[in-house]
Amino acid sequence: MAKAAISLLLLLLSFTSETLVMVNGQKTWCVAKPSSDQATLLANLNYACSHVDCQILRKGCPCSSPDNLMNHASISMNQYYRAKGNNQWNCDFRGSALIVMTDPSYGDCIYA
């Protein structure tokens, strides 16, 4: 039994990040849960931007508007998710994130 569990774990770990980003053959994105409070969104934004480039959120950039925590946290969280390999565990943010299969891009703001 233990050998089978180890084999399964090794198989799961051997998937590439490109495989992990797909759910039923669809690309996924990481966004903030709508129920997240402002303090959590700010913490997520700060954490993600301390690990990835968040220049896309600067004033005048494509994703700067709307200028609210929900929008900016979602974009930064998705940037982090992408940079860390699109793994489910990179879109947790202490339970305040969702993996979605609908592209959240809008206007000129393209979620990578």
N, C-alpha and C. Protein backbone atom coordinates (compact mmCIF):
# COMPACT_ATOMS: atom_id res chain seq x y z
N MET A 1 0.82 -1.21 0.00
CA MET A 1 0.00 0.00 0.00
C MET A 1 0.85 1.25 0.00
N ALA A 2 1.90 1.30 0.85
CA ALA A 2 2.76 2.47 0.94
C ALA A 2 3.49 2.69 -0.38
N LYS A 3 3.92 1.59 -1.03
CA LYS A 3 4.62 1.70 -2.30
C LYS A 3 3.72 2.30 -3.37
N ALA A 4 2.45 1.92 -3.38
CA ALA A 4 1.50 2.46 -4.35
C ALA A 4 1.27 3.95 -4.10
N ALA A 5 1.20 4.35 -2.84
CA ALA A 5 1.00 5.75 -2.50
C ALA A 5 2.21 6.59 -2.93
N ILE A 6 3.40 6.05 -2.73
CA ILE A 6 4.61 6.75 -3.13
C ILE A 6 4.67 6.88 -4.65
N SER A 7 4.29 5.83 -5.35
CA SER A 7 4.27 5.88 -6.81
C SER A 7 3.29 6.93 -7.31
N LEU A 8 2.13 6.99 -6.69
CA LEU A 8 1.14 7.98 -7.08
C LEU A 8 1.66 9.38 -6.81
N LEU A 9 2.29 9.60 -5.67
CA LEU A 9 2.85 10.90 -5.33
C LEU A 9 3.92 11.30 -6.33
N LEU A 10 4.79 10.38 -6.69
CA LEU A 10 5.82 10.69 -7.67
C LEU A 10 5.22 11.01 -9.03
N LEU A 11 4.18 10.32 -9.40
CA LEU A 11 3.50 10.60 -10.65
C LEU A 11 2.91 12.01 -10.62
N LEU A 12 2.26 12.36 -9.53
CA LEU A 12 1.68 13.69 -9.41
C LEU A 12 2.75 14.77 -9.45
N LEU A 13 3.87 14.54 -8.81
CA LEU A 13 4.94 15.52 -8.78
C LEU A 13 5.64 15.65 -10.13
N SER A 14 5.49 14.66 -10.98
CA SER A 14 6.17 14.71 -12.27
C SER A 14 5.42 15.55 -13.30
N PHE A 15 4.18 15.93 -13.01
CA PHE A 15 3.44 16.78 -13.94
C PHE A 15 4.16 18.10 -14.11
N THR A 16 4.13 18.64 -15.30
CA THR A 16 4.72 19.95 -15.52
C THR A 16 3.73 21.01 -15.08
N SER A 17 4.20 22.24 -14.90
CA SER A 17 3.32 23.33 -14.50
C SER A 17 2.25 23.57 -15.56
N GLU A 18 2.58 23.34 -16.82
CA GLU A 18 1.60 23.54 -17.88
C GLU A 18 0.44 22.56 -17.72
N THR A 19 0.71 21.35 -17.26
CA THR A 19 -0.34 20.38 -17.01
C THR A 19 -1.21 20.83 -15.84
N LEU A 20 -0.57 21.36 -14.82
CA LEU A 20 -1.32 21.76 -13.63
C LEU A 20 -2.22 22.96 -13.85
N VAL A 21 -1.92 23.80 -14.84
CA VAL A 21 -2.73 24.97 -15.09
C VAL A 21 -4.04 24.59 -15.80
N MET A 22 -4.10 23.40 -16.32
CA MET A 22 -5.28 22.96 -17.04
C MET A 22 -6.22 22.18 -16.13
N VAL A 23 -7.49 22.50 -16.21
CA VAL A 23 -8.53 21.75 -15.52
C VAL A 23 -9.51 21.32 -16.60
N ASN A 24 -9.64 20.04 -16.77
CA ASN A 24 -10.49 19.51 -17.84
C ASN A 24 -10.15 20.14 -19.19
N GLY A 25 -8.85 20.34 -19.43
CA GLY A 25 -8.41 20.88 -20.70
C GLY A 25 -8.54 22.38 -20.83
N GLN A 26 -8.92 23.08 -19.77
CA GLN A 26 -9.08 24.53 -19.83
C GLN A 26 -8.00 25.24 -19.02
N LYS A 27 -7.61 26.41 -19.48
CA LYS A 27 -6.66 27.24 -18.76
C LYS A 27 -7.35 27.78 -17.49
N THR A 28 -6.56 28.03 -16.45
CA THR A 28 -7.11 28.54 -15.20
C THR A 28 -6.42 29.82 -14.77
N TRP A 29 -7.10 30.57 -13.91
CA TRP A 29 -6.58 31.80 -13.36
C TRP A 29 -6.86 31.80 -11.86
N CYS A 30 -6.08 32.56 -11.13
CA CYS A 30 -6.24 32.69 -9.68
C CYS A 30 -6.76 34.10 -9.38
N VAL A 31 -7.87 34.17 -8.65
CA VAL A 31 -8.45 35.47 -8.29
C VAL A 31 -8.85 35.46 -6.82
N ALA A 32 -9.05 36.64 -6.28
CA ALA A 32 -9.50 36.78 -4.90
C ALA A 32 -10.95 36.37 -4.76
N LYS A 33 -11.28 35.73 -3.65
CA LYS A 33 -12.68 35.41 -3.36
C LYS A 33 -13.44 36.71 -3.13
N PRO A 34 -14.62 36.83 -3.72
CA PRO A 34 -15.42 38.05 -3.52
C PRO A 34 -15.75 38.32 -2.05
N SER A 35 -15.75 37.29 -1.23
CA SER A 35 -16.09 37.46 0.19
C SER A 35 -14.90 37.92 1.04
N SER A 36 -13.73 38.09 0.43
CA SER A 36 -12.54 38.50 1.17
C SER A 36 -12.69 39.92 1.71
N ASP A 37 -12.24 40.12 2.95
CA ASP A 37 -12.30 41.46 3.53
C ASP A 37 -11.12 42.30 3.05
N GLN A 38 -11.20 43.59 3.27
CA GLN A 38 -10.19 44.52 2.78
C GLN A 38 -8.79 44.22 3.33
N ALA A 39 -8.70 43.87 4.61
CA ALA A 39 -7.39 43.57 5.21
C ALA A 39 -6.75 42.36 4.55
N THR A 40 -7.55 41.35 4.24
CA THR A 40 -7.03 40.14 3.58
C THR A 40 -6.59 40.47 2.16
N LEU A 41 -7.38 41.25 1.45
CA LEU A 41 -7.01 41.64 0.09
C LEU A 41 -5.71 42.42 0.07
N LEU A 42 -5.56 43.34 1.02
CA LEU A 42 -4.33 44.13 1.10
C LEU A 42 -3.13 43.24 1.43
N ALA A 43 -3.31 42.31 2.35
CA ALA A 43 -2.23 41.37 2.69
C ALA A 43 -1.85 40.52 1.47
N ASN A 44 -2.84 40.06 0.72
CA ASN A 44 -2.58 39.26 -0.48
C ASN A 44 -1.84 40.08 -1.53
N LEU A 45 -2.28 41.30 -1.74
CA LEU A 45 -1.64 42.20 -2.70
C LEU A 45 -0.18 42.42 -2.31
N ASN A 46 0.05 42.75 -1.06
CA ASN A 46 1.42 43.01 -0.59
C ASN A 46 2.30 41.76 -0.69
N TYR A 47 1.75 40.62 -0.31
CA TYR A 47 2.51 39.38 -0.37
C TYR A 47 2.88 39.04 -1.82
N ALA A 48 1.89 39.04 -2.69
CA ALA A 48 2.13 38.67 -4.09
C ALA A 48 3.14 39.63 -4.73
N CYS A 49 2.96 40.93 -4.49
CA CYS A 49 3.84 41.92 -5.12
C CYS A 49 5.24 41.93 -4.51
N SER A 50 5.41 41.29 -3.36
CA SER A 50 6.76 41.18 -2.81
C SER A 50 7.51 40.02 -3.47
N HIS A 51 6.80 39.21 -4.26
CA HIS A 51 7.42 38.06 -4.92
C HIS A 51 7.40 38.15 -6.45
N VAL A 52 6.54 38.99 -7.00
CA VAL A 52 6.43 39.11 -8.46
C VAL A 52 6.36 40.59 -8.85
N ASP A 53 6.56 40.86 -10.12
CA ASP A 53 6.49 42.22 -10.65
C ASP A 53 5.03 42.65 -10.80
N CYS A 54 4.67 43.71 -10.10
CA CYS A 54 3.29 44.21 -10.16
C CYS A 54 3.20 45.55 -10.88
N GLN A 55 4.15 45.81 -11.78
CA GLN A 55 4.16 47.06 -12.54
C GLN A 55 2.85 47.28 -13.30
N ILE A 56 2.20 46.20 -13.68
CA ILE A 56 0.95 46.27 -14.45
C ILE A 56 -0.16 47.01 -13.69
N LEU A 57 0.01 47.16 -12.37
CA LEU A 57 -0.99 47.83 -11.54
C LEU A 57 -0.73 49.33 -11.38
N ARG A 58 0.42 49.81 -11.80
CA ARG A 58 0.76 51.22 -11.64
C ARG A 58 -0.20 52.11 -12.43
N LYS A 59 -0.40 53.32 -11.91
CA LYS A 59 -1.27 54.29 -12.57
C LYS A 59 -0.86 54.47 -14.03
N GLY A 60 -1.84 54.40 -14.91
CA GLY A 60 -1.59 54.53 -16.33
C GLY A 60 -1.35 53.21 -17.05
N CYS A 61 -1.12 52.15 -16.30
CA CYS A 61 -0.92 50.82 -16.89
C CYS A 61 -2.27 50.15 -17.13
N PRO A 62 -2.31 49.14 -17.98
CA PRO A 62 -3.58 48.53 -18.39
C PRO A 62 -4.47 48.01 -17.25
N CYS A 63 -3.87 47.56 -16.16
CA CYS A 63 -4.68 46.96 -15.09
C CYS A 63 -4.82 47.85 -13.86
N SER A 64 -4.49 49.13 -14.00
CA SER A 64 -4.58 50.03 -12.85
C SER A 64 -6.02 50.41 -12.52
N SER A 65 -6.89 50.28 -13.49
CA SER A 65 -8.29 50.65 -13.30
C SER A 65 -9.17 49.42 -13.52
N PRO A 66 -10.17 49.19 -12.70
CA PRO A 66 -10.57 50.02 -11.57
C PRO A 66 -9.56 49.92 -10.42
N ASP A 67 -9.37 51.06 -9.77
CA ASP A 67 -8.40 51.17 -8.69
C ASP A 67 -9.06 50.78 -7.37
N ASN A 68 -9.16 49.46 -7.15
CA ASN A 68 -9.71 48.96 -5.88
C ASN A 68 -8.97 47.70 -5.47
N LEU A 69 -9.05 47.38 -4.20
CA LEU A 69 -8.30 46.24 -3.67
C LEU A 69 -8.69 44.91 -4.29
N MET A 70 -9.96 44.70 -4.56
CA MET A 70 -10.39 43.43 -5.15
C MET A 70 -9.71 43.22 -6.50
N ASN A 71 -9.71 44.25 -7.33
CA ASN A 71 -9.11 44.16 -8.65
C ASN A 71 -7.59 43.97 -8.54
N HIS A 72 -6.94 44.81 -7.78
CA HIS A 72 -5.49 44.75 -7.69
C HIS A 72 -5.01 43.47 -7.00
N ALA A 73 -5.72 43.02 -5.99
CA ALA A 73 -5.34 41.77 -5.33
C ALA A 73 -5.48 40.60 -6.31
N SER A 74 -6.57 40.55 -7.04
CA SER A 74 -6.79 39.46 -7.99
C SER A 74 -5.69 39.41 -9.05
N ILE A 75 -5.33 40.55 -9.58
CA ILE A 75 -4.29 40.60 -10.62
C ILE A 75 -2.95 40.16 -10.04
N SER A 76 -2.60 40.68 -8.87
CA SER A 76 -1.31 40.31 -8.27
C SER A 76 -1.28 38.84 -7.87
N MET A 77 -2.39 38.32 -7.36
CA MET A 77 -2.47 36.92 -6.98
C MET A 77 -2.31 36.03 -8.21
N ASN A 78 -2.89 36.43 -9.33
CA ASN A 78 -2.74 35.66 -10.55
C ASN A 78 -1.31 35.72 -11.07
N GLN A 79 -0.67 36.87 -10.95
CA GLN A 79 0.74 37.00 -11.33
C GLN A 79 1.60 36.03 -10.51
N TYR A 80 1.33 35.97 -9.21
CA TYR A 80 2.05 35.07 -8.32
C TYR A 80 1.80 33.61 -8.72
N TYR A 81 0.54 33.27 -8.94
CA TYR A 81 0.13 31.92 -9.37
C TYR A 81 0.90 31.50 -10.62
N ARG A 82 0.98 32.39 -11.60
CA ARG A 82 1.70 32.10 -12.84
C ARG A 82 3.20 31.92 -12.57
N ALA A 83 3.77 32.86 -11.83
CA ALA A 83 5.22 32.84 -11.58
C ALA A 83 5.66 31.61 -10.81
N LYS A 84 4.79 31.10 -9.96
CA LYS A 84 5.15 29.96 -9.11
C LYS A 84 4.77 28.62 -9.73
N GLY A 85 4.26 28.63 -10.95
CA GLY A 85 4.05 27.37 -11.65
C GLY A 85 2.61 26.92 -11.81
N ASN A 86 1.64 27.80 -11.53
CA ASN A 86 0.23 27.48 -11.73
C ASN A 86 -0.24 26.29 -10.89
N ASN A 87 0.38 26.12 -9.76
CA ASN A 87 -0.02 25.02 -8.88
C ASN A 87 -1.18 25.44 -7.99
N GLN A 88 -2.05 24.52 -7.72
CA GLN A 88 -3.22 24.80 -6.88
C GLN A 88 -2.80 25.45 -5.56
N TRP A 89 -1.71 24.96 -4.97
CA TRP A 89 -1.28 25.49 -3.67
C TRP A 89 -0.72 26.90 -3.79
N ASN A 90 -0.43 27.38 -4.99
CA ASN A 90 0.01 28.76 -5.17
C ASN A 90 -1.16 29.70 -5.37
N CYS A 91 -2.36 29.18 -5.26
CA CYS A 91 -3.57 29.99 -5.33
C CYS A 91 -4.45 29.66 -4.13
N ASP A 92 -3.88 29.77 -2.97
CA ASP A 92 -4.65 29.53 -1.76
C ASP A 92 -4.81 30.81 -0.97
N PHE A 93 -3.71 31.48 -0.69
CA PHE A 93 -3.71 32.73 0.04
C PHE A 93 -4.59 32.63 1.28
N ARG A 94 -4.29 31.58 2.08
CA ARG A 94 -4.99 31.31 3.33
C ARG A 94 -6.51 31.19 3.13
N GLY A 95 -6.88 30.56 2.03
CA GLY A 95 -8.29 30.30 1.75
C GLY A 95 -9.05 31.47 1.17
N SER A 96 -8.34 32.51 0.75
CA SER A 96 -9.04 33.70 0.23
C SER A 96 -8.95 33.84 -1.29
N ALA A 97 -8.62 32.74 -1.97
CA ALA A 97 -8.49 32.77 -3.43
C ALA A 97 -9.29 31.65 -4.07
N LEU A 98 -9.56 31.85 -5.34
CA LEU A 98 -10.28 30.86 -6.14
C LEU A 98 -9.52 30.61 -7.44
N ILE A 99 -9.54 29.39 -7.89
CA ILE A 99 -9.06 29.08 -9.24
C ILE A 99 -10.30 29.06 -10.12
N VAL A 100 -10.25 29.89 -11.18
CA VAL A 100 -11.40 30.00 -12.08
C VAL A 100 -11.02 29.56 -13.48
N MET A 101 -12.00 29.15 -14.24
CA MET A 101 -11.78 28.71 -15.62
C MET A 101 -12.30 29.72 -16.63
N THR A 102 -12.81 30.85 -16.14
CA THR A 102 -13.27 31.92 -17.01
C THR A 102 -12.23 33.03 -16.98
N ASP A 103 -11.73 33.41 -18.12
CA ASP A 103 -10.68 34.43 -18.20
C ASP A 103 -11.19 35.75 -17.61
N PRO A 104 -10.54 36.24 -16.55
CA PRO A 104 -10.98 37.49 -15.91
C PRO A 104 -10.45 38.75 -16.60
N SER A 105 -9.75 38.61 -17.72
CA SER A 105 -9.22 39.76 -18.44
C SER A 105 -10.34 40.71 -18.83
N TYR A 106 -10.00 41.99 -18.92
CA TYR A 106 -10.98 43.00 -19.32
C TYR A 106 -10.26 44.12 -20.04
N GLY A 107 -10.90 44.68 -21.05
CA GLY A 107 -10.28 45.76 -21.80
C GLY A 107 -8.87 45.41 -22.23
N ASP A 108 -7.93 46.30 -21.90
CA ASP A 108 -6.52 46.06 -22.22
C ASP A 108 -5.78 45.34 -21.10
N CYS A 109 -6.49 45.00 -20.01
CA CYS A 109 -5.87 44.29 -18.90
C CYS A 109 -6.00 42.79 -19.15
N ILE A 110 -4.90 42.21 -19.57
CA ILE A 110 -4.87 40.78 -19.90
C ILE A 110 -4.23 40.00 -18.78
N TYR A 111 -5.00 39.11 -18.18
CA TYR A 111 -4.46 38.21 -17.17
C TYR A 111 -3.65 37.16 -17.91
N ALA A 112 -2.38 37.08 -17.61
CA ALA A 112 -1.50 36.14 -18.32
C ALA A 112 -1.91 34.71 -18.03
